[in-house]
Each structure stands twice: as C-alpha cells, then as structure tokens.
Amino acid sequence: MRTITFNELRKIKDSLPNGSMHRIADELGLNVDTVRNFFGGRHFREGKSVGIHLEPGPDGGLVMLDDTTVLDRALKILDEENAHMQQEVTEATQV
C-alpha cells in the first residue's frame, strides 16, 4: 500500500503525454476507463474500481493505493519522457 495526496496523483496524470491512459491500459491488460478511475475518474459503467481509498484533507486529501502498478507504469512513462527530452537538449547543444 502507498499513500499519496490527491493533488500529487492528479499532477502525475496531468504530466503524462497524450495517449498514456491507453498505453497503460494496453500494457496492463486493463480497460482504459479503469486506468482513468485510478487517477480519480468516475467511469464505472465501463471501467472498474481500482483499489484507491480517499480521505479528505489538505492538498486534495490522501489517496491510499492498494496496488501501485498503474502509478508505477505512469512514473516509468514520465521517466522515459524526461530521458527523451534530455537527449533532445543534449543533441541540440552539440550542433
């Protein structure tokens, strides 16, 4: 179990490049609405609940995650994006 603030979770979601929800869903064999629900969505008609528990409080409240697989995958995508951007900056300065 991992605890994170709701605002931190939304910041991660908002930082992901376009198409990341579908990519995570495809890679983990989940419905895309289930992935959206992980990040605070309420798409229960198509998606499933994902084992997050919300507690009211500052910074949007606390989110307790039973399973961090979706979050871990999102953070890996952000790491890939940052590495790609670093590589572009390095190549641009070498020219």
PDB file of N, CA and C in Angstrom:
ATOM      1  N   MET A   1       0.848  -1.183   0.000  1.00  0.00           N
ATOM      2  CA  MET A   1       0.000   0.000   0.000  1.00  0.00           C
ATOM      3  C   MET A   1       0.888   1.238   0.000  1.00  0.00           C
ATOM      4  N   ARG A   2       0.435   2.240  -0.719  1.00  0.00           N
ATOM      5  CA  ARG A   2       1.164   3.506  -0.792  1.00  0.00           C
ATOM      6  C   ARG A   2       0.169   4.642  -0.595  1.00  0.00           C
ATOM      7  N   THR A   3       0.608   5.696   0.061  1.00  0.00           N
ATOM      8  CA  THR A   3      -0.234   6.863   0.288  1.00  0.00           C
ATOM      9  C   THR A   3       0.375   8.051  -0.458  1.00  0.00           C
ATOM     10  N   ILE A   4      -0.478   8.798  -1.133  1.00  0.00           N
ATOM     11  CA  ILE A   4      -0.072   9.961  -1.918  1.00  0.00           C
ATOM     12  C   ILE A   4      -1.208  10.975  -1.809  1.00  0.00           C
ATOM     13  N   THR A   5      -0.924  12.266  -1.958  1.00  0.00           N
ATOM     14  CA  THR A   5      -2.027  13.228  -1.939  1.00  0.00           C
ATOM     15  C   THR A   5      -2.751  13.170  -3.280  1.00  0.00           C
ATOM     16  N   PHE A   6      -4.027  13.524  -3.238  1.00  0.00           N
ATOM     17  CA  PHE A   6      -4.817  13.531  -4.462  1.00  0.00           C
ATOM     18  C   PHE A   6      -4.208  14.503  -5.472  1.00  0.00           C
ATOM     19  N   ASN A   7      -3.748  15.664  -5.001  1.00  0.00           N
ATOM     20  CA  ASN A   7      -3.148  16.643  -5.909  1.00  0.00           C
ATOM     21  C   ASN A   7      -1.873  16.105  -6.557  1.00  0.00           C
ATOM     22  N   GLU A   8      -1.069  15.346  -5.826  1.00  0.00           N
ATOM     23  CA  GLU A   8       0.128  14.736  -6.413  1.00  0.00           C
ATOM     24  C   GLU A   8      -0.256  13.724  -7.491  1.00  0.00           C
ATOM     25  N   LEU A   9      -1.285  12.932  -7.199  1.00  0.00           N
ATOM     26  CA  LEU A   9      -1.749  11.939  -8.172  1.00  0.00           C
ATOM     27  C   LEU A   9      -2.248  12.619  -9.436  1.00  0.00           C
ATOM     28  N   ARG A  10      -3.012  13.698  -9.296  1.00  0.00           N
ATOM     29  CA  ARG A  10      -3.518  14.429 -10.461  1.00  0.00           C
ATOM     30  C   ARG A  10      -2.380  15.111 -11.224  1.00  0.00           C
ATOM     31  N   LYS A  11      -1.363  15.596 -10.502  1.00  0.00           N
ATOM     32  CA  LYS A  11      -0.220  16.223 -11.174  1.00  0.00           C
ATOM     33  C   LYS A  11       0.502  15.196 -12.048  1.00  0.00           C
ATOM     34  N   ILE A  12       0.661  13.984 -11.550  1.00  0.00           N
ATOM     35  CA  ILE A  12       1.284  12.919 -12.342  1.00  0.00           C
ATOM     36  C   ILE A  12       0.444  12.659 -13.586  1.00  0.00           C
ATOM     37  N   LYS A  13      -0.871  12.514 -13.406  1.00  0.00           N
ATOM     38  CA  LYS A  13      -1.769  12.266 -14.535  1.00  0.00           C
ATOM     39  C   LYS A  13      -1.690  13.380 -15.554  1.00  0.00           C
ATOM     40  N   ASP A  14      -1.722  14.624 -15.089  1.00  0.00           N
ATOM     41  CA  ASP A  14      -1.691  15.774 -15.999  1.00  0.00           C
ATOM     42  C   ASP A  14      -0.349  15.926 -16.707  1.00  0.00           C
ATOM     43  N   SER A  15       0.711  15.363 -16.151  1.00  0.00           N
ATOM     44  CA  SER A  15       2.046  15.446 -16.755  1.00  0.00           C
ATOM     45  C   SER A  15       2.277  14.391 -17.829  1.00  0.00           C
ATOM     46  N   LEU A  16       1.429  13.378 -17.863  1.00  0.00           N
ATOM     47  CA  LEU A  16       1.608  12.295 -18.831  1.00  0.00           C
ATOM     48  C   LEU A  16       1.347  12.785 -20.248  1.00  0.00           C
ATOM     49  N   PRO A  17       2.112  12.294 -21.213  1.00  0.00           N
ATOM     50  CA  PRO A  17       1.869  12.684 -22.606  1.00  0.00           C
ATOM     51  C   PRO A  17       0.546  12.107 -23.115  1.00  0.00           C
ATOM     52  N   ASN A  18       0.026  12.712 -24.167  1.00  0.00           N
ATOM     53  CA  ASN A  18      -1.216  12.237 -24.777  1.00  0.00           C
ATOM     54  C   ASN A  18      -1.106  10.752 -25.117  1.00  0.00           C
ATOM     55  N   GLY A  19      -2.182  10.048 -24.894  1.00  0.00           N
ATOM     56  CA  GLY A  19      -2.223   8.630 -25.215  1.00  0.00           C
ATOM     57  C   GLY A  19      -1.742   7.718 -24.102  1.00  0.00           C
ATOM     58  N   SER A  20      -1.280   8.283 -22.998  1.00  0.00           N
ATOM     59  CA  SER A  20      -0.722   7.468 -21.920  1.00  0.00           C
ATOM     60  C   SER A  20      -1.761   6.588 -21.247  1.00  0.00           C
ATOM     61  N   MET A  21      -2.999   7.075 -21.101  1.00  0.00           N
ATOM     62  CA  MET A  21      -4.039   6.256 -20.469  1.00  0.00           C
ATOM     63  C   MET A  21      -4.255   4.978 -21.286  1.00  0.00           C
ATOM     64  N   HIS A  22      -4.313   5.137 -22.608  1.00  0.00           N
ATOM     65  CA  HIS A  22      -4.489   3.967 -23.489  1.00  0.00           C
ATOM     66  C   HIS A  22      -3.260   3.068 -23.445  1.00  0.00           C
ATOM     67  N   ARG A  23      -2.076   3.666 -23.422  1.00  0.00           N
ATOM     68  CA  ARG A  23      -0.841   2.873 -23.372  1.00  0.00           C
ATOM     69  C   ARG A  23      -0.781   2.039 -22.093  1.00  0.00           C
ATOM     70  N   ILE A  24      -1.075   2.666 -20.960  1.00  0.00           N
ATOM     71  CA  ILE A  24      -1.054   1.941 -19.686  1.00  0.00           C
ATOM     72  C   ILE A  24      -2.094   0.822 -19.715  1.00  0.00           C
ATOM     73  N   ALA A  25      -3.291   1.138 -20.200  1.00  0.00           N
ATOM     74  CA  ALA A  25      -4.354   0.137 -20.270  1.00  0.00           C
ATOM     75  C   ALA A  25      -3.926  -1.042 -21.135  1.00  0.00           C
ATOM     76  N   ASP A  26      -3.361  -0.762 -22.301  1.00  0.00           N
ATOM     77  CA  ASP A  26      -2.920  -1.832 -23.202  1.00  0.00           C
ATOM     78  C   ASP A  26      -1.824  -2.676 -22.568  1.00  0.00           C
ATOM     79  N   GLU A  27      -0.840  -2.020 -21.968  1.00  0.00           N
ATOM     80  CA  GLU A  27       0.296  -2.744 -21.400  1.00  0.00           C
ATOM     81  C   GLU A  27      -0.093  -3.594 -20.191  1.00  0.00           C
ATOM     82  N   LEU A  28      -1.126  -3.157 -19.462  1.00  0.00           N
ATOM     83  CA  LEU A  28      -1.527  -3.885 -18.259  1.00  0.00           C
ATOM     84  C   LEU A  28      -2.773  -4.746 -18.481  1.00  0.00           C
ATOM     85  N   GLY A  29      -3.314  -4.709 -19.695  1.00  0.00           N
ATOM     86  CA  GLY A  29      -4.493  -5.506 -19.997  1.00  0.00           C
ATOM     87  C   GLY A  29      -5.736  -5.023 -19.267  1.00  0.00           C
ATOM     88  N   LEU A  30      -5.853  -3.702 -19.127  1.00  0.00           N
ATOM     89  CA  LEU A  30      -6.992  -3.109 -18.426  1.00  0.00           C
ATOM     90  C   LEU A  30      -7.849  -2.314 -19.396  1.00  0.00           C
ATOM     91  N   ASN A  31      -9.075  -2.045 -19.004  1.00  0.00           N
ATOM     92  CA  ASN A  31      -9.935  -1.119 -19.724  1.00  0.00           C
ATOM     93  C   ASN A  31      -9.404   0.288 -19.462  1.00  0.00           C
ATOM     94  N   VAL A  32      -9.412   1.146 -20.475  1.00  0.00           N
ATOM     95  CA  VAL A  32      -8.870   2.499 -20.310  1.00  0.00           C
ATOM     96  C   VAL A  32      -9.631   3.273 -19.230  1.00  0.00           C
ATOM     97  N   ASP A  33     -10.923   3.020 -19.078  1.00  0.00           N
ATOM     98  CA  ASP A  33     -11.673   3.707 -18.028  1.00  0.00           C
ATOM     99  C   ASP A  33     -11.242   3.259 -16.635  1.00  0.00           C
ATOM    100  N   THR A  34     -10.777   2.043 -16.500  1.00  0.00           N
ATOM    101  CA  THR A  34     -10.239   1.578 -15.218  1.00  0.00           C
ATOM    102  C   THR A  34      -8.981   2.371 -14.873  1.00  0.00           C
ATOM    103  N   VAL A  35      -8.138   2.628 -15.875  1.00  0.00           N
ATOM    104  CA  VAL A  35      -6.938   3.439 -15.647  1.00  0.00           C
ATOM    105  C   VAL A  35      -7.341   4.859 -15.275  1.00  0.00           C
ATOM    106  N   ARG A  36      -8.318   5.408 -15.958  1.00  0.00           N
ATOM    107  CA  ARG A  36      -8.795   6.763 -15.625  1.00  0.00           C
ATOM    108  C   ARG A  36      -9.336   6.804 -14.196  1.00  0.00           C
ATOM    109  N   ASN A  37     -10.022   5.755 -13.791  1.00  0.00           N
ATOM    110  CA  ASN A  37     -10.553   5.698 -12.418  1.00  0.00           C
ATOM    111  C   ASN A  37      -9.425   5.721 -11.391  1.00  0.00           C
ATOM    112  N   PHE A  38      -8.300   5.123 -11.727  1.00  0.00           N
ATOM    113  CA  PHE A  38      -7.152   5.132 -10.831  1.00  0.00           C
ATOM    114  C   PHE A  38      -6.712   6.563 -10.528  1.00  0.00           C
ATOM    115  N   PHE A  39      -6.808   7.431 -11.542  1.00  0.00           N
ATOM    116  CA  PHE A  39      -6.373   8.819 -11.388  1.00  0.00           C
ATOM    117  C   PHE A  39      -7.502   9.745 -10.952  1.00  0.00           C
ATOM    118  N   GLY A  40      -8.574   9.164 -10.409  1.00  0.00           N
ATOM    119  CA  GLY A  40      -9.647   9.975  -9.851  1.00  0.00           C
ATOM    120  C   GLY A  40     -10.887  10.053 -10.704  1.00  0.00           C
ATOM    121  N   GLY A  41     -10.911   9.362 -11.845  1.00  0.00           N
ATOM    122  CA  GLY A  41     -12.094   9.355 -12.695  1.00  0.00           C
ATOM    123  C   GLY A  41     -13.235   8.591 -12.061  1.00  0.00           C
ATOM    124  N   ARG A  42     -14.382   8.744 -12.628  1.00  0.00           N
ATOM    125  CA  ARG A  42     -15.568   8.039 -12.137  1.00  0.00           C
ATOM    126  C   ARG A  42     -16.291   7.386 -13.314  1.00  0.00           C
ATOM    127  N   HIS A  43     -15.557   6.562 -14.049  1.00  0.00           N
ATOM    128  CA  HIS A  43     -16.086   5.899 -15.249  1.00  0.00           C
ATOM    129  C   HIS A  43     -16.416   4.442 -14.908  1.00  0.00           C
ATOM    130  N   PHE A  44     -17.401   4.244 -14.039  1.00  0.00           N
ATOM    131  CA  PHE A  44     -17.673   2.908 -13.536  1.00  0.00           C
ATOM    132  C   PHE A  44     -18.595   2.098 -14.444  1.00  0.00           C
ATOM    133  N   ARG A  45     -19.201   2.741 -15.418  1.00  0.00           N
ATOM    134  CA  ARG A  45     -20.055   1.992 -16.333  1.00  0.00           C
ATOM    135  C   ARG A  45     -19.204   1.037 -17.172  1.00  0.00           C
ATOM    136  N   GLU A  46     -18.043   1.506 -17.616  1.00  0.00           N
ATOM    137  CA  GLU A  46     -17.133   0.687 -18.422  1.00  0.00           C
ATOM    138  C   GLU A  46     -15.929   0.201 -17.609  1.00  0.00           C
ATOM    139  N   GLY A  47     -15.381   1.079 -16.778  1.00  0.00           N
ATOM    140  CA  GLY A  47     -14.189   0.739 -16.006  1.00  0.00           C
ATOM    141  C   GLY A  47     -14.548   0.167 -14.647  1.00  0.00           C
ATOM    142  N   LYS A  48     -13.534  -0.345 -13.988  1.00  0.00           N
ATOM    143  CA  LYS A  48     -13.732  -0.944 -12.671  1.00  0.00           C
ATOM    144  C   LYS A  48     -13.103  -0.067 -11.595  1.00  0.00           C
ATOM    145  N   SER A  49     -13.463  -0.338 -10.363  1.00  0.00           N
ATOM    146  CA  SER A  49     -12.812   0.282  -9.221  1.00  0.00           C
ATOM    147  C   SER A  49     -11.386  -0.268  -9.155  1.00  0.00           C
ATOM    148  N   VAL A  50     -10.460   0.546  -8.695  1.00  0.00           N
ATOM    149  CA  VAL A  50      -9.053   0.151  -8.768  1.00  0.00           C
ATOM    150  C   VAL A  50      -8.345   0.095  -7.425  1.00  0.00           C
ATOM    151  N   GLY A  51      -9.074   0.028  -6.338  1.00  0.00           N
ATOM    152  CA  GLY A  51      -8.436  -0.115  -5.035  1.00  0.00           C
ATOM    153  C   GLY A  51      -7.779   1.147  -4.526  1.00  0.00           C
ATOM    154  N   ILE A  52      -8.455   2.287  -4.743  1.00  0.00           N
ATOM    155  CA  ILE A  52      -7.964   3.519  -4.145  1.00  0.00           C
ATOM    156  C   ILE A  52      -8.979   3.943  -3.088  1.00  0.00           C
ATOM    157  N   HIS A  53      -8.460   4.487  -2.006  1.00  0.00           N
ATOM    158  CA  HIS A  53      -9.302   4.927  -0.906  1.00  0.00           C
ATOM    159  C   HIS A  53      -8.972   6.390  -0.637  1.00  0.00           C
ATOM    160  N   LEU A  54      -9.984   7.238  -0.652  1.00  0.00           N
ATOM    161  CA  LEU A  54      -9.797   8.675  -0.488  1.00  0.00           C
ATOM    162  C   LEU A  54     -10.145   9.094   0.937  1.00  0.00           C
ATOM    163  N   GLU A  55      -9.299   9.923   1.499  1.00  0.00           N
ATOM    164  CA  GLU A  55      -9.542  10.516   2.810  1.00  0.00           C
ATOM    165  C   GLU A  55      -9.479  12.025   2.642  1.00  0.00           C
ATOM    166  N   PRO A  56     -10.516  12.762   3.042  1.00  0.00           N
ATOM    167  CA  PRO A  56     -10.493  14.216   2.915  1.00  0.00           C
ATOM    168  C   PRO A  56      -9.330  14.819   3.694  1.00  0.00           C
ATOM    169  N   GLY A  57      -8.838  15.928   3.196  1.00  0.00           N
ATOM    170  CA  GLY A  57      -7.766  16.627   3.883  1.00  0.00           C
ATOM    171  C   GLY A  57      -7.125  17.656   2.987  1.00  0.00           C
ATOM    172  N   PRO A  58      -6.056  18.297   3.474  1.00  0.00           N
ATOM    173  CA  PRO A  58      -5.373  19.304   2.672  1.00  0.00           C
ATOM    174  C   PRO A  58      -4.733  18.679   1.431  1.00  0.00           C
ATOM    175  N   ASP A  59      -4.467  19.516   0.448  1.00  0.00           N
ATOM    176  CA  ASP A  59      -3.826  19.084  -0.803  1.00  0.00           C
ATOM    177  C   ASP A  59      -4.693  18.085  -1.553  1.00  0.00           C
ATOM    178  N   GLY A  60      -6.023  18.255  -1.442  1.00  0.00           N
ATOM    179  CA  GLY A  60      -6.947  17.358  -2.122  1.00  0.00           C
ATOM    180  C   GLY A  60      -7.271  16.106  -1.338  1.00  0.00           C
ATOM    181  N   GLY A  61      -6.654  15.934  -0.197  1.00  0.00           N
ATOM    182  CA  GLY A  61      -6.867  14.744   0.618  1.00  0.00           C
ATOM    183  C   GLY A  61      -5.826  13.685   0.314  1.00  0.00           C
ATOM    184  N   LEU A  62      -5.935  12.581   1.017  1.00  0.00           N
ATOM    185  CA  LEU A  62      -4.991  11.484   0.843  1.00  0.00           C
ATOM    186  C   LEU A  62      -5.621  10.374   0.029  1.00  0.00           C
ATOM    187  N   VAL A  63      -4.802   9.733  -0.780  1.00  0.00           N
ATOM    188  CA  VAL A  63      -5.225   8.584  -1.567  1.00  0.00           C
ATOM    189  C   VAL A  63      -4.365   7.411  -1.125  1.00  0.00           C
ATOM    190  N   MET A  64      -5.019   6.367  -0.629  1.00  0.00           N
ATOM    191  CA  MET A  64      -4.307   5.152  -0.272  1.00  0.00           C
ATOM    192  C   MET A  64      -4.494   4.160  -1.410  1.00  0.00           C
ATOM    193  N   LEU A  65      -3.381   3.699  -1.968  1.00  0.00           N
ATOM    194  CA  LEU A  65      -3.397   2.811  -3.124  1.00  0.00           C
ATOM    195  C   LEU A  65      -3.111   1.385  -2.670  1.00  0.00           C
ATOM    196  N   ASP A  66      -4.040   0.479  -2.941  1.00  0.00           N
ATOM    197  CA  ASP A  66      -3.824  -0.932  -2.624  1.00  0.00           C
ATOM    198  C   ASP A  66      -2.766  -1.545  -3.541  1.00  0.00           C
ATOM    199  N   ASP A  67      -2.778  -1.138  -4.802  1.00  0.00           N
ATOM    200  CA  ASP A  67      -1.880  -1.691  -5.821  1.00  0.00           C
ATOM    201  C   ASP A  67      -1.304  -0.518  -6.603  1.00  0.00           C
ATOM    202  N   THR A  68      -0.002  -0.404  -6.662  1.00  0.00           N
ATOM    203  CA  THR A  68       0.643   0.741  -7.311  1.00  0.00           C
ATOM    204  C   THR A  68       1.061   0.460  -8.750  1.00  0.00           C
ATOM    205  N   THR A  69       0.594  -0.614  -9.362  1.00  0.00           N
ATOM    206  CA  THR A  69       1.029  -0.986 -10.704  1.00  0.00           C
ATOM    207  C   THR A  69       0.765   0.124 -11.714  1.00  0.00           C
ATOM    208  N   VAL A  70      -0.436   0.720 -11.697  1.00  0.00           N
ATOM    209  CA  VAL A  70      -0.760   1.786 -12.652  1.00  0.00           C
ATOM    210  C   VAL A  70       0.120   3.000 -12.384  1.00  0.00           C
ATOM    211  N   LEU A  71       0.278   3.367 -11.125  1.00  0.00           N
ATOM    212  CA  LEU A  71       1.130   4.508 -10.774  1.00  0.00           C
ATOM    213  C   LEU A  71       2.570   4.248 -11.186  1.00  0.00           C
ATOM    214  N   ASP A  72       3.081   3.069 -10.929  1.00  0.00           N
ATOM    215  CA  ASP A  72       4.452   2.727 -11.309  1.00  0.00           C
ATOM    216  C   ASP A  72       4.640   2.845 -12.819  1.00  0.00           C
ATOM    217  N   ARG A  73       3.659   2.392 -13.591  1.00  0.00           N
ATOM    218  CA  ARG A  73       3.739   2.464 -15.050  1.00  0.00           C
ATOM    219  C   ARG A  73       3.711   3.916 -15.504  1.00  0.00           C
ATOM    220  N   ALA A  74       2.870   4.737 -14.876  1.00  0.00           N
ATOM    221  CA  ALA A  74       2.806   6.162 -15.218  1.00  0.00           C
ATOM    222  C   ALA A  74       4.135   6.851 -14.920  1.00  0.00           C
ATOM    223  N   LEU A  75       4.729   6.541 -13.783  1.00  0.00           N
ATOM    224  CA  LEU A  75       6.019   7.144 -13.436  1.00  0.00           C
ATOM    225  C   LEU A  75       7.115   6.699 -14.399  1.00  0.00           C
ATOM    226  N   LYS A  76       7.042   5.457 -14.875  1.00  0.00           N
ATOM    227  CA  LYS A  76       8.018   4.981 -15.859  1.00  0.00           C
ATOM    228  C   LYS A  76       7.870   5.744 -17.174  1.00  0.00           C
ATOM    229  N   ILE A  77       6.630   6.008 -17.586  1.00  0.00           N
ATOM    230  CA  ILE A  77       6.396   6.788 -18.804  1.00  0.00           C
ATOM    231  C   ILE A  77       6.967   8.189 -18.639  1.00  0.00           C
ATOM    232  N   LEU A  78       6.769   8.802 -17.479  1.00  0.00           N
ATOM    233  CA  LEU A  78       7.330  10.142 -17.234  1.00  0.00           C
ATOM    234  C   LEU A  78       8.856  10.118 -17.266  1.00  0.00           C
ATOM    235  N   ASP A  79       9.456   9.067 -16.703  1.00  0.00           N
ATOM    236  CA  ASP A  79      10.917   8.927 -16.757  1.00  0.00           C
ATOM    237  C   ASP A  79      11.395   8.812 -18.200  1.00  0.00           C
ATOM    238  N   GLU A  80      10.671   8.033 -19.012  1.00  0.00           N
ATOM    239  CA  GLU A  80      11.023   7.897 -20.435  1.00  0.00           C
ATOM    240  C   GLU A  80      10.934   9.243 -21.148  1.00  0.00           C
ATOM    241  N   GLU A  81       9.867   9.994 -20.862  1.00  0.00           N
ATOM    242  CA  GLU A  81       9.688  11.321 -21.471  1.00  0.00           C
ATOM    243  C   GLU A  81      10.820  12.260 -21.082  1.00  0.00           C
ATOM    244  N   ASN A  82      11.190  12.254 -19.796  1.00  0.00           N
ATOM    245  CA  ASN A  82      12.270  13.119 -19.327  1.00  0.00           C
ATOM    246  C   ASN A  82      13.598  12.735 -19.965  1.00  0.00           C
ATOM    247  N   ALA A  83      13.856  11.445 -20.098  1.00  0.00           N
ATOM    248  CA  ALA A  83      15.098  10.991 -20.738  1.00  0.00           C
ATOM    249  C   ALA A  83      15.119  11.403 -22.201  1.00  0.00           C
ATOM    250  N   HIS A  84      13.979  11.293 -22.866  1.00  0.00           N
ATOM    251  CA  HIS A  84      13.887  11.690 -24.275  1.00  0.00           C
ATOM    252  C   HIS A  84      14.130  13.189 -24.436  1.00  0.00           C
ATOM    253  N   MET A  85      13.554  13.982 -23.542  1.00  0.00           N
ATOM    254  CA  MET A  85      13.743  15.433 -23.602  1.00  0.00           C
ATOM    255  C   MET A  85      15.200  15.796 -23.320  1.00  0.00           C
ATOM    256  N   GLN A  86      15.822  15.104 -22.366  1.00  0.00           N
ATOM    257  CA  GLN A  86      17.237  15.353 -22.054  1.00  0.00           C
ATOM    258  C   GLN A  86      18.106  15.052 -23.269  1.00  0.00           C
ATOM    259  N   GLN A  87      17.797  13.956 -23.959  1.00  0.00           N
ATOM    260  CA  GLN A  87      18.551  13.567 -25.133  1.00  0.00           C
ATOM    261  C   GLN A  87      18.406  14.618 -26.238  1.00  0.00           C
ATOM    262  N   GLU A  88      17.205  15.134 -26.426  1.00  0.00           N
ATOM    263  CA  GLU A  88      16.984  16.176 -27.435  1.00  0.00           C
ATOM    264  C   GLU A  88      17.761  17.438 -27.105  1.00  0.00           C
ATOM    265  N   VAL A  89      17.789  17.821 -25.835  1.00  0.00           N
ATOM    266  CA  VAL A  89      18.534  19.006 -25.423  1.00  0.00           C
ATOM    267  C   VAL A  89      20.028  18.787 -25.645  1.00  0.00           C
ATOM    268  N   THR A  90      20.525  17.613 -25.304  1.00  0.00           N
ATOM    269  CA  THR A  90      21.939  17.306 -25.498  1.00  0.00           C
ATOM    270  C   THR A  90      22.306  17.351 -26.971  1.00  0.00           C
ATOM    271  N   GLU A  91      21.469  16.759 -27.817  1.00  0.00           N
ATOM    272  CA  GLU A  91      21.741  16.761 -29.257  1.00  0.00           C
ATOM    273  C   GLU A  91      21.679  18.169 -29.832  1.00  0.00           C
ATOM    274  N   ALA A  92      20.771  18.985 -29.349  1.00  0.00           N
ATOM    275  CA  ALA A  92      20.644  20.347 -29.844  1.00  0.00           C
ATOM    276  C   ALA A  92      21.853  21.200 -29.459  1.00  0.00           C
ATOM    277  N   THR A  93      22.405  20.961 -28.286  1.00  0.00           N
ATOM    278  CA  THR A  93      23.565  21.758 -27.862  1.00  0.00           C
ATOM    279  C   THR A  93      24.848  21.298 -28.536  1.00  0.00           C
ATOM    280  N   GLN A  94      24.848  20.082 -29.079  1.00  0.00           N
ATOM    281  CA  GLN A  94      26.046  19.571 -29.763  1.00  0.00           C
ATOM    282  C   GLN A  94      26.135  20.065 -31.197  1.00  0.00           C
ATOM    283  N   VAL A  95      25.041  20.585 -31.724  1.00  0.00           N
ATOM    284  CA  VAL A  95      25.020  21.009 -33.122  1.00  0.00           C
ATOM    285  C   VAL A  95      25.675  22.331 -33.295  1.00  0.00           C
TER     286      VAL A  95
END
